[in-house]
């Protein structure tokens, strides 16, 4: 049933790229938005953009891999904006390398931010969702979940998030909570720029090469992903759960 109550959303990794576009989109959908990132000050531009058009937003600094900081951040959001019932687990990092060059730290850092972070944030927010009888969790996977050279850590984490998503859907569905995943293809962000630098390509050339392999003949934008996330977090999407949507400009097989 539609509600007149303003839903509160948390977007992790919300300072830039897909996270920033998602925060702005969810605010446009009528959500109050907590923009969460490791560096709270980095969220200021996104929060200002939302507030400038009459929205409600809050910048929150948090290391999503740290249990105590996650609990404190979610409690702060509940106190200052209201109980969070929409969660977008977008925070992510890259530590790309071939297997034989990959360090323990490269592996652990990626697993901790992507998988542990999604686990901690979901666990902390689900209490509020259960109490409300409503919840929307969206986890950011990736086309790299299907395997990608130089990203054994990232690919494993993004594939893991798909299993995590499907399990949350089964456990939490009876409480009115859905869990879905969005798996972007090539999106123009700082992270893809870093990938271009890693392989020694000019970023413009990198984008052109990617676009030539995509059926719609263009690379993706953060707003393309925010659009899919907005669908999954909608009031009317309560019968859609446990799904993985590839947003990649075409099929990947």
C-alpha atoms as a PDB file:
ATOM      1  CA  UNK A   1       0.000   0.000   0.000  1.00  0.00           C
ATOM      2  CA  UNK A   2       1.261   3.547  -0.739  1.00  0.00           C
ATOM      3  CA  UNK A   3       2.319   5.560   2.282  1.00  0.00           C
ATOM      4  CA  UNK A   4       2.244   9.263   3.051  1.00  0.00           C
ATOM      5  CA  UNK A   5       5.231   8.814   5.363  1.00  0.00           C
ATOM      6  CA  UNK A   6       8.577   9.882   3.920  1.00  0.00           C
ATOM      7  CA  UNK A   7      10.839   6.861   3.558  1.00  0.00           C
ATOM      8  CA  UNK A   8      14.441   7.251   4.663  1.00  0.00           C
ATOM      9  CA  UNK A   9      17.176   5.852   2.428  1.00  0.00           C
ATOM     10  CA  UNK A  10      20.851   5.202   3.058  1.00  0.00           C
ATOM     11  CA  UNK A  11      23.212   5.162   0.084  1.00  0.00           C
ATOM     12  CA  UNK A  12      26.722   3.936   0.864  1.00  0.00           C
ATOM     13  CA  UNK A  13      29.584   5.205  -1.254  1.00  0.00           C
ATOM     14  CA  UNK A  14      27.294   8.152  -1.906  1.00  0.00           C
ATOM     15  CA  UNK A  15      29.849  10.912  -2.395  1.00  0.00           C
ATOM     16  CA  UNK A  16      30.466  10.353  -6.106  1.00  0.00           C
ATOM     17  CA  UNK A  17      29.690   8.291  -9.182  1.00  0.00           C
ATOM     18  CA  UNK A  18      26.825   5.818  -9.017  1.00  0.00           C
ATOM     19  CA  UNK A  19      26.237   6.503  -5.331  1.00  0.00           C
ATOM     20  CA  UNK A  20      25.856  10.259  -5.832  1.00  0.00           C
ATOM     21  CA  UNK A  21      23.517   9.803  -8.798  1.00  0.00           C
ATOM     22  CA  UNK A  22      21.453   7.341  -6.764  1.00  0.00           C
ATOM     23  CA  UNK A  23      21.201   9.655  -3.767  1.00  0.00           C
ATOM     24  CA  UNK A  24      19.960  12.480  -5.991  1.00  0.00           C
ATOM     25  CA  UNK A  25      17.488  10.195  -7.774  1.00  0.00           C
ATOM     26  CA  UNK A  26      16.044   8.755  -4.555  1.00  0.00           C
ATOM     27  CA  UNK A  27      15.625  12.275  -3.179  1.00  0.00           C
ATOM     28  CA  UNK A  28      13.735  13.191  -6.362  1.00  0.00           C
ATOM     29  CA  UNK A  29      11.531  10.148  -5.681  1.00  0.00           C
ATOM     30  CA  UNK A  30      10.602  11.730  -2.337  1.00  0.00           C
ATOM     31  CA  UNK A  31      13.018   9.929  -0.033  1.00  0.00           C
ATOM     32  CA  UNK A  32      15.023  11.541   2.727  1.00  0.00           C
ATOM     33  CA  UNK A  33      18.577  10.427   1.989  1.00  0.00           C
ATOM     34  CA  UNK A  34      21.594   9.719   4.174  1.00  0.00           C
ATOM     35  CA  UNK A  35      24.648  10.063   1.957  1.00  0.00           C
ATOM     36  CA  UNK A  36      27.232   7.803   3.539  1.00  0.00           C
ATOM     37  CA  UNK A  37      30.914   7.668   2.637  1.00  0.00           C
ATOM     38  CA  UNK A  38      34.267   7.097   4.273  1.00  0.00           C
ATOM     39  CA  UNK A  39      34.939  10.847   4.196  1.00  0.00           C
ATOM     40  CA  UNK A  40      31.910  12.747   5.481  1.00  0.00           C
ATOM     41  CA  UNK A  41      33.087  16.041   3.989  1.00  0.00           C
ATOM     42  CA  UNK A  42      33.149  14.452   0.523  1.00  0.00           C
ATOM     43  CA  UNK A  43      29.352  14.067   0.744  1.00  0.00           C
ATOM     44  CA  UNK A  44      28.750  17.804   1.129  1.00  0.00           C
ATOM     45  CA  UNK A  45      28.156  18.535  -2.569  1.00  0.00           C
ATOM     46  CA  UNK A  46      25.562  15.795  -2.929  1.00  0.00           C
ATOM     47  CA  UNK A  47      23.756  16.832   0.248  1.00  0.00           C
ATOM     48  CA  UNK A  48      23.763  20.477  -0.840  1.00  0.00           C
ATOM     49  CA  UNK A  49      22.353  19.534  -4.248  1.00  0.00           C
ATOM     50  CA  UNK A  50      19.482  17.637  -2.622  1.00  0.00           C
ATOM     51  CA  UNK A  51      18.748  20.286  -0.004  1.00  0.00           C
ATOM     52  CA  UNK A  52      18.854  23.079  -2.602  1.00  0.00           C
ATOM     53  CA  UNK A  53      15.760  21.689  -4.315  1.00  0.00           C
ATOM     54  CA  UNK A  54      13.821  21.166  -1.105  1.00  0.00           C
ATOM     55  CA  UNK A  55      14.911  17.632  -0.253  1.00  0.00           C
ATOM     56  CA  UNK A  56      16.200  16.288   3.044  1.00  0.00           C
ATOM     57  CA  UNK A  57      19.705  14.878   3.131  1.00  0.00           C
ATOM     58  CA  UNK A  58      22.382  14.120   5.667  1.00  0.00           C
ATOM     59  CA  UNK A  59      26.098  13.493   5.216  1.00  0.00           C
ATOM     60  CA  UNK A  60      27.432  10.619   7.306  1.00  0.00           C
ATOM     61  CA  UNK A  61      31.040   9.475   7.541  1.00  0.00           C
ATOM     62  CA  UNK A  62      31.454   5.735   8.008  1.00  0.00           C
ATOM     63  CA  UNK A  63      33.808   2.858   7.264  1.00  0.00           C
ATOM     64  CA  UNK A  64      31.268   0.231   6.200  1.00  0.00           C
ATOM     65  CA  UNK A  65      33.650  -2.586   7.115  1.00  0.00           C
ATOM     66  CA  UNK A  66      33.754  -1.512  10.789  1.00  0.00           C
ATOM     67  CA  UNK A  67      30.939  -2.950  12.940  1.00  0.00           C
ATOM     68  CA  UNK A  68      30.886  -0.210  15.584  1.00  0.00           C
ATOM     69  CA  UNK A  69      30.997   2.598  13.029  1.00  0.00           C
ATOM     70  CA  UNK A  70      28.192   1.045  11.021  1.00  0.00           C
ATOM     71  CA  UNK A  71      25.993   0.687  14.089  1.00  0.00           C
ATOM     72  CA  UNK A  72      26.725   4.286  15.081  1.00  0.00           C
ATOM     73  CA  UNK A  73      26.045   5.593  11.574  1.00  0.00           C
ATOM     74  CA  UNK A  74      22.703   3.823  11.257  1.00  0.00           C
ATOM     75  CA  UNK A  75      21.683   5.022  14.735  1.00  0.00           C
ATOM     76  CA  UNK A  76      22.565   8.583  13.740  1.00  0.00           C
ATOM     77  CA  UNK A  77      20.477   8.345  10.582  1.00  0.00           C
ATOM     78  CA  UNK A  78      17.535   7.017  12.595  1.00  0.00           C
ATOM     79  CA  UNK A  79      17.871   9.890  15.079  1.00  0.00           C
ATOM     80  CA  UNK A  80      18.324  12.706  12.577  1.00  0.00           C
ATOM     81  CA  UNK A  81      16.302  11.630   9.529  1.00  0.00           C
ATOM     82  CA  UNK A  82      14.154   8.738  10.706  1.00  0.00           C
ATOM     83  CA  UNK A  83      14.288   4.962  10.623  1.00  0.00           C
ATOM     84  CA  UNK A  84      16.050   3.828   7.426  1.00  0.00           C
ATOM     85  CA  UNK A  85      13.897   1.467   5.378  1.00  0.00           C
ATOM     86  CA  UNK A  86      15.732   1.777   2.045  1.00  0.00           C
ATOM     87  CA  UNK A  87      19.354   0.679   1.798  1.00  0.00           C
ATOM     88  CA  UNK A  88      21.616   0.844  -1.233  1.00  0.00           C
ATOM     89  CA  UNK A  89      24.890  -1.009  -0.663  1.00  0.00           C
ATOM     90  CA  UNK A  90      27.023   0.767  -3.233  1.00  0.00           C
ATOM     91  CA  UNK A  91      30.333   1.359  -1.416  1.00  0.00           C
ATOM     92  CA  UNK A  92      33.199  -0.237  -3.282  1.00  0.00           C
ATOM     93  CA  UNK A  93      36.906  -0.123  -3.993  1.00  0.00           C
ATOM     94  CA  UNK A  94      39.254  -1.563  -6.587  1.00  0.00           C
ATOM     95  CA  UNK A  95      42.542  -3.307  -5.924  1.00  0.00           C
ATOM     96  CA  UNK A  96      43.059  -4.800  -9.373  1.00  0.00           C
ATOM     97  CA  UNK A  97      45.931  -7.133 -10.172  1.00  0.00           C
ATOM     98  CA  UNK A  98      46.632 -10.500 -11.707  1.00  0.00           C
ATOM     99  CA  UNK A  99      46.399 -13.387  -9.271  1.00  0.00           C
ATOM    100  CA  UNK A 100      50.150 -13.948  -8.918  1.00  0.00           C
ATOM    101  CA  UNK A 101      50.686 -10.260  -8.139  1.00  0.00           C
ATOM    102  CA  UNK A 102      47.702  -9.814  -5.818  1.00  0.00           C
ATOM    103  CA  UNK A 103      48.554  -9.230  -2.168  1.00  0.00           C
ATOM    104  CA  UNK A 104      46.613 -10.433   0.861  1.00  0.00           C
ATOM    105  CA  UNK A 105      45.716  -6.807   1.504  1.00  0.00           C
ATOM    106  CA  UNK A 106      44.360  -6.369  -2.040  1.00  0.00           C
ATOM    107  CA  UNK A 107      42.060  -9.343  -1.483  1.00  0.00           C
ATOM    108  CA  UNK A 108      40.992  -8.457   2.054  1.00  0.00           C
ATOM    109  CA  UNK A 109      40.301  -4.788   1.354  1.00  0.00           C
ATOM    110  CA  UNK A 110      37.942  -5.574  -1.521  1.00  0.00           C
ATOM    111  CA  UNK A 111      36.147  -8.318   0.414  1.00  0.00           C
ATOM    112  CA  UNK A 112      35.805  -6.147   3.506  1.00  0.00           C
ATOM    113  CA  UNK A 113      34.277  -3.156   1.735  1.00  0.00           C
ATOM    114  CA  UNK A 114      31.999  -4.983  -0.700  1.00  0.00           C
ATOM    115  CA  UNK A 115      30.886  -8.083   1.183  1.00  0.00           C
ATOM    116  CA  UNK A 116      31.458  -7.358   4.858  1.00  0.00           C
ATOM    117  CA  UNK A 117      30.196  -3.810   4.312  1.00  0.00           C
ATOM    118  CA  UNK A 118      26.953  -4.982   2.697  1.00  0.00           C
ATOM    119  CA  UNK A 119      26.495  -7.552   5.480  1.00  0.00           C
ATOM    120  CA  UNK A 120      27.035  -5.052   8.304  1.00  0.00           C
ATOM    121  CA  UNK A 121      24.849  -2.355   6.756  1.00  0.00           C
ATOM    122  CA  UNK A 122      22.038  -4.792   5.960  1.00  0.00           C
ATOM    123  CA  UNK A 123      22.122  -6.293   9.440  1.00  0.00           C
ATOM    124  CA  UNK A 124      21.998  -2.874  11.075  1.00  0.00           C
ATOM    125  CA  UNK A 125      19.154  -1.578   8.881  1.00  0.00           C
ATOM    126  CA  UNK A 126      16.962  -4.677   8.812  1.00  0.00           C
ATOM    127  CA  UNK A 127      15.857  -4.044  12.417  1.00  0.00           C
ATOM    128  CA  UNK A 128      14.251  -0.786  11.329  1.00  0.00           C
ATOM    129  CA  UNK A 129      12.748  -2.407   8.239  1.00  0.00           C
ATOM    130  CA  UNK A 130      11.204  -5.264  10.224  1.00  0.00           C
ATOM    131  CA  UNK A 131       9.670  -2.787  12.672  1.00  0.00           C
ATOM    132  CA  UNK A 132       8.226  -0.785   9.772  1.00  0.00           C
ATOM    133  CA  UNK A 133       6.958  -3.847   7.909  1.00  0.00           C
ATOM    134  CA  UNK A 134       8.656  -2.428   4.813  1.00  0.00           C
ATOM    135  CA  UNK A 135      12.164  -2.542   3.424  1.00  0.00           C
ATOM    136  CA  UNK A 136      14.097  -2.264   0.198  1.00  0.00           C
ATOM    137  CA  UNK A 137      17.702  -3.453  -0.035  1.00  0.00           C
ATOM    138  CA  UNK A 138      19.640  -3.037  -3.271  1.00  0.00           C
ATOM    139  CA  UNK A 139      23.165  -4.404  -3.571  1.00  0.00           C
ATOM    140  CA  UNK A 140      25.541  -3.277  -6.308  1.00  0.00           C
ATOM    141  CA  UNK A 141      26.991  -6.252  -8.121  1.00  0.00           C
ATOM    142  CA  UNK A 142      28.787  -5.940 -11.469  1.00  0.00           C
ATOM    143  CA  UNK A 143      29.200  -7.588 -14.842  1.00  0.00           C
ATOM    144  CA  UNK A 144      32.617  -8.530 -13.431  1.00  0.00           C
ATOM    145  CA  UNK A 145      30.765 -11.139 -11.353  1.00  0.00           C
ATOM    146  CA  UNK A 146      30.917 -13.243 -14.513  1.00  0.00           C
ATOM    147  CA  UNK A 147      34.719 -13.081 -14.431  1.00  0.00           C
ATOM    148  CA  UNK A 148      37.162 -10.370 -15.455  1.00  0.00           C
ATOM    149  CA  UNK A 149      40.904 -10.559 -15.956  1.00  0.00           C
ATOM    150  CA  UNK A 150      42.851  -8.752 -13.262  1.00  0.00           C
ATOM    151  CA  UNK A 151      39.887  -8.630 -10.887  1.00  0.00           C
ATOM    152  CA  UNK A 152      39.777 -11.979  -9.112  1.00  0.00           C
ATOM    153  CA  UNK A 153      39.020 -10.199  -5.812  1.00  0.00           C
ATOM    154  CA  UNK A 154      36.413  -7.815  -7.241  1.00  0.00           C
ATOM    155  CA  UNK A 155      34.765 -10.533  -9.362  1.00  0.00           C
ATOM    156  CA  UNK A 156      34.507 -12.854  -6.360  1.00  0.00           C
ATOM    157  CA  UNK A 157      33.041 -10.093  -4.183  1.00  0.00           C
ATOM    158  CA  UNK A 158      30.494  -9.050  -6.807  1.00  0.00           C
ATOM    159  CA  UNK A 159      29.453 -12.660  -7.418  1.00  0.00           C
ATOM    160  CA  UNK A 160      29.187 -13.124  -3.668  1.00  0.00           C
ATOM    161  CA  UNK A 161      26.813 -10.186  -3.445  1.00  0.00           C
ATOM    162  CA  UNK A 162      24.429 -11.971  -5.773  1.00  0.00           C
ATOM    163  CA  UNK A 163      24.202 -14.968  -3.439  1.00  0.00           C
ATOM    164  CA  UNK A 164      23.923 -12.598  -0.482  1.00  0.00           C
ATOM    165  CA  UNK A 165      21.032 -10.812  -2.207  1.00  0.00           C
ATOM    166  CA  UNK A 166      19.092 -13.983  -2.959  1.00  0.00           C
ATOM    167  CA  UNK A 167      19.493 -15.199   0.614  1.00  0.00           C
ATOM    168  CA  UNK A 168      18.297 -11.899   2.079  1.00  0.00           C
ATOM    169  CA  UNK A 169      15.257 -12.107  -0.189  1.00  0.00           C
ATOM    170  CA  UNK A 170      14.379 -15.515   1.239  1.00  0.00           C
ATOM    171  CA  UNK A 171      14.993 -14.588   4.873  1.00  0.00           C
ATOM    172  CA  UNK A 172      13.387 -11.153   4.930  1.00  0.00           C
ATOM    173  CA  UNK A 173      10.495 -11.433   2.498  1.00  0.00           C
ATOM    174  CA  UNK A 174       7.943 -12.287   5.179  1.00  0.00           C
ATOM    175  CA  UNK A 175       8.651  -8.936   6.837  1.00  0.00           C
ATOM    176  CA  UNK A 176       7.783  -6.914   3.747  1.00  0.00           C
ATOM    177  CA  UNK A 177      11.448  -6.512   2.810  1.00  0.00           C
ATOM    178  CA  UNK A 178      12.778  -7.099  -0.686  1.00  0.00           C
ATOM    179  CA  UNK A 179      16.397  -7.559  -1.712  1.00  0.00           C
ATOM    180  CA  UNK A 180      17.658  -7.166  -5.255  1.00  0.00           C
ATOM    181  CA  UNK A 181      20.942  -6.545  -7.014  1.00  0.00           C
ATOM    182  CA  UNK A 182      21.935  -4.269  -9.869  1.00  0.00           C
ATOM    183  CA  UNK A 183      24.947  -5.364 -11.903  1.00  0.00           C
ATOM    184  CA  UNK A 184      26.344  -2.508 -13.987  1.00  0.00           C
ATOM    185  CA  UNK A 185      28.328  -2.997 -17.145  1.00  0.00           C
ATOM    186  CA  UNK A 186      30.708  -0.259 -18.302  1.00  0.00           C
ATOM    187  CA  UNK A 187      29.787   2.957 -16.457  1.00  0.00           C
ATOM    188  CA  UNK A 188      31.785   6.180 -16.694  1.00  0.00           C
ATOM    189  CA  UNK A 189      33.055   6.764 -13.156  1.00  0.00           C
ATOM    190  CA  UNK A 190      36.313   7.399 -11.345  1.00  0.00           C
ATOM    191  CA  UNK A 191      36.623   3.639 -10.902  1.00  0.00           C
ATOM    192  CA  UNK A 192      36.502   2.913 -14.634  1.00  0.00           C
ATOM    193  CA  UNK A 193      38.949   5.749 -15.197  1.00  0.00           C
ATOM    194  CA  UNK A 194      41.272   3.990 -12.761  1.00  0.00           C
ATOM    195  CA  UNK A 195      40.859   0.756 -14.716  1.00  0.00           C
ATOM    196  CA  UNK A 196      41.830   2.553 -17.924  1.00  0.00           C
ATOM    197  CA  UNK A 197      44.928   3.895 -16.197  1.00  0.00           C
ATOM    198  CA  UNK A 198      45.786   0.401 -14.941  1.00  0.00           C
ATOM    199  CA  UNK A 199      45.789  -1.004 -18.455  1.00  0.00           C
ATOM    200  CA  UNK A 200      47.627   2.028 -19.839  1.00  0.00           C
ATOM    201  CA  UNK A 201      44.842   3.468 -22.021  1.00  0.00           C
ATOM    202  CA  UNK A 202      43.593   7.012 -22.484  1.00  0.00           C
ATOM    203  CA  UNK A 203      40.163   7.142 -20.822  1.00  0.00           C
ATOM    204  CA  UNK A 204      38.407   8.512 -23.924  1.00  0.00           C
ATOM    205  CA  UNK A 205      39.876   5.732 -26.050  1.00  0.00           C
ATOM    206  CA  UNK A 206      38.945   3.244 -23.335  1.00  0.00           C
ATOM    207  CA  UNK A 207      35.319   4.405 -23.474  1.00  0.00           C
ATOM    208  CA  UNK A 208      35.189   4.252 -27.272  1.00  0.00           C
ATOM    209  CA  UNK A 209      36.559   0.724 -27.268  1.00  0.00           C
ATOM    210  CA  UNK A 210      33.992  -0.322 -24.662  1.00  0.00           C
ATOM    211  CA  UNK A 211      31.106   1.326 -26.528  1.00  0.00           C
ATOM    212  CA  UNK A 212      31.989  -0.527 -29.721  1.00  0.00           C
ATOM    213  CA  UNK A 213      31.320  -3.834 -27.926  1.00  0.00           C
ATOM    214  CA  UNK A 214      27.980  -2.764 -26.383  1.00  0.00           C
ATOM    215  CA  UNK A 215      24.786  -3.378 -28.391  1.00  0.00           C
ATOM    216  CA  UNK A 216      23.365   0.100 -27.677  1.00  0.00           C
ATOM    217  CA  UNK A 217      26.699   1.555 -28.850  1.00  0.00           C
ATOM    218  CA  UNK A 218      27.374   3.754 -25.851  1.00  0.00           C
ATOM    219  CA  UNK A 219      28.854   3.456 -22.405  1.00  0.00           C
ATOM    220  CA  UNK A 220      26.684   3.766 -19.333  1.00  0.00           C
ATOM    221  CA  UNK A 221      26.209   6.730 -17.049  1.00  0.00           C
ATOM    222  CA  UNK A 222      25.679   6.705 -13.281  1.00  0.00           C
ATOM    223  CA  UNK A 223      22.105   7.856 -13.910  1.00  0.00           C
ATOM    224  CA  UNK A 224      21.425   4.637 -15.841  1.00  0.00           C
ATOM    225  CA  UNK A 225      22.146   2.658 -12.690  1.00  0.00           C
ATOM    226  CA  UNK A 226      20.263   5.065 -10.439  1.00  0.00           C
ATOM    227  CA  UNK A 227      17.203   4.483 -12.633  1.00  0.00           C
ATOM    228  CA  UNK A 228      17.317   0.725 -12.019  1.00  0.00           C
ATOM    229  CA  UNK A 229      17.864   1.235  -8.294  1.00  0.00           C
ATOM    230  CA  UNK A 230      14.890   3.615  -8.139  1.00  0.00           C
ATOM    231  CA  UNK A 231      12.700   0.859  -9.618  1.00  0.00           C
ATOM    232  CA  UNK A 232      13.785  -1.728  -7.070  1.00  0.00           C
ATOM    233  CA  UNK A 233      13.280   0.681  -4.154  1.00  0.00           C
ATOM    234  CA  UNK A 234       9.806   1.794  -5.244  1.00  0.00           C
ATOM    235  CA  UNK A 235       6.665   1.306  -3.220  1.00  0.00           C
ATOM    236  CA  UNK A 236       5.154  -0.685  -6.080  1.00  0.00           C
ATOM    237  CA  UNK A 237       8.059  -3.141  -6.406  1.00  0.00           C
ATOM    238  CA  UNK A 238       7.172  -5.338  -3.465  1.00  0.00           C
ATOM    239  CA  UNK A 239       6.667  -8.472  -5.586  1.00  0.00           C
ATOM    240  CA  UNK A 240      10.126  -8.223  -7.140  1.00  0.00           C
ATOM    241  CA  UNK A 241      12.778  -9.772  -4.926  1.00  0.00           C
ATOM    242  CA  UNK A 242      15.919 -11.862  -5.171  1.00  0.00           C
ATOM    243  CA  UNK A 243      16.626 -10.614  -8.686  1.00  0.00           C
ATOM    244  CA  UNK A 244      19.867  -9.579 -10.367  1.00  0.00           C
ATOM    245  CA  UNK A 245      19.431  -6.949 -13.072  1.00  0.00           C
ATOM    246  CA  UNK A 246      22.335  -6.482 -15.458  1.00  0.00           C
ATOM    247  CA  UNK A 247      22.366  -2.885 -16.655  1.00  0.00           C
ATOM    248  CA  UNK A 248      24.953  -3.163 -19.387  1.00  0.00           C
ATOM    249  CA  UNK A 249      23.465  -1.949 -22.659  1.00  0.00           C
ATOM    250  CA  UNK A 250      22.741  -5.459 -23.854  1.00  0.00           C
ATOM    251  CA  UNK A 251      23.204  -9.142 -23.006  1.00  0.00           C
ATOM    252  CA  UNK A 252      26.581 -10.244 -21.746  1.00  0.00           C
ATOM    253  CA  UNK A 253      26.672 -13.679 -23.361  1.00  0.00           C
END
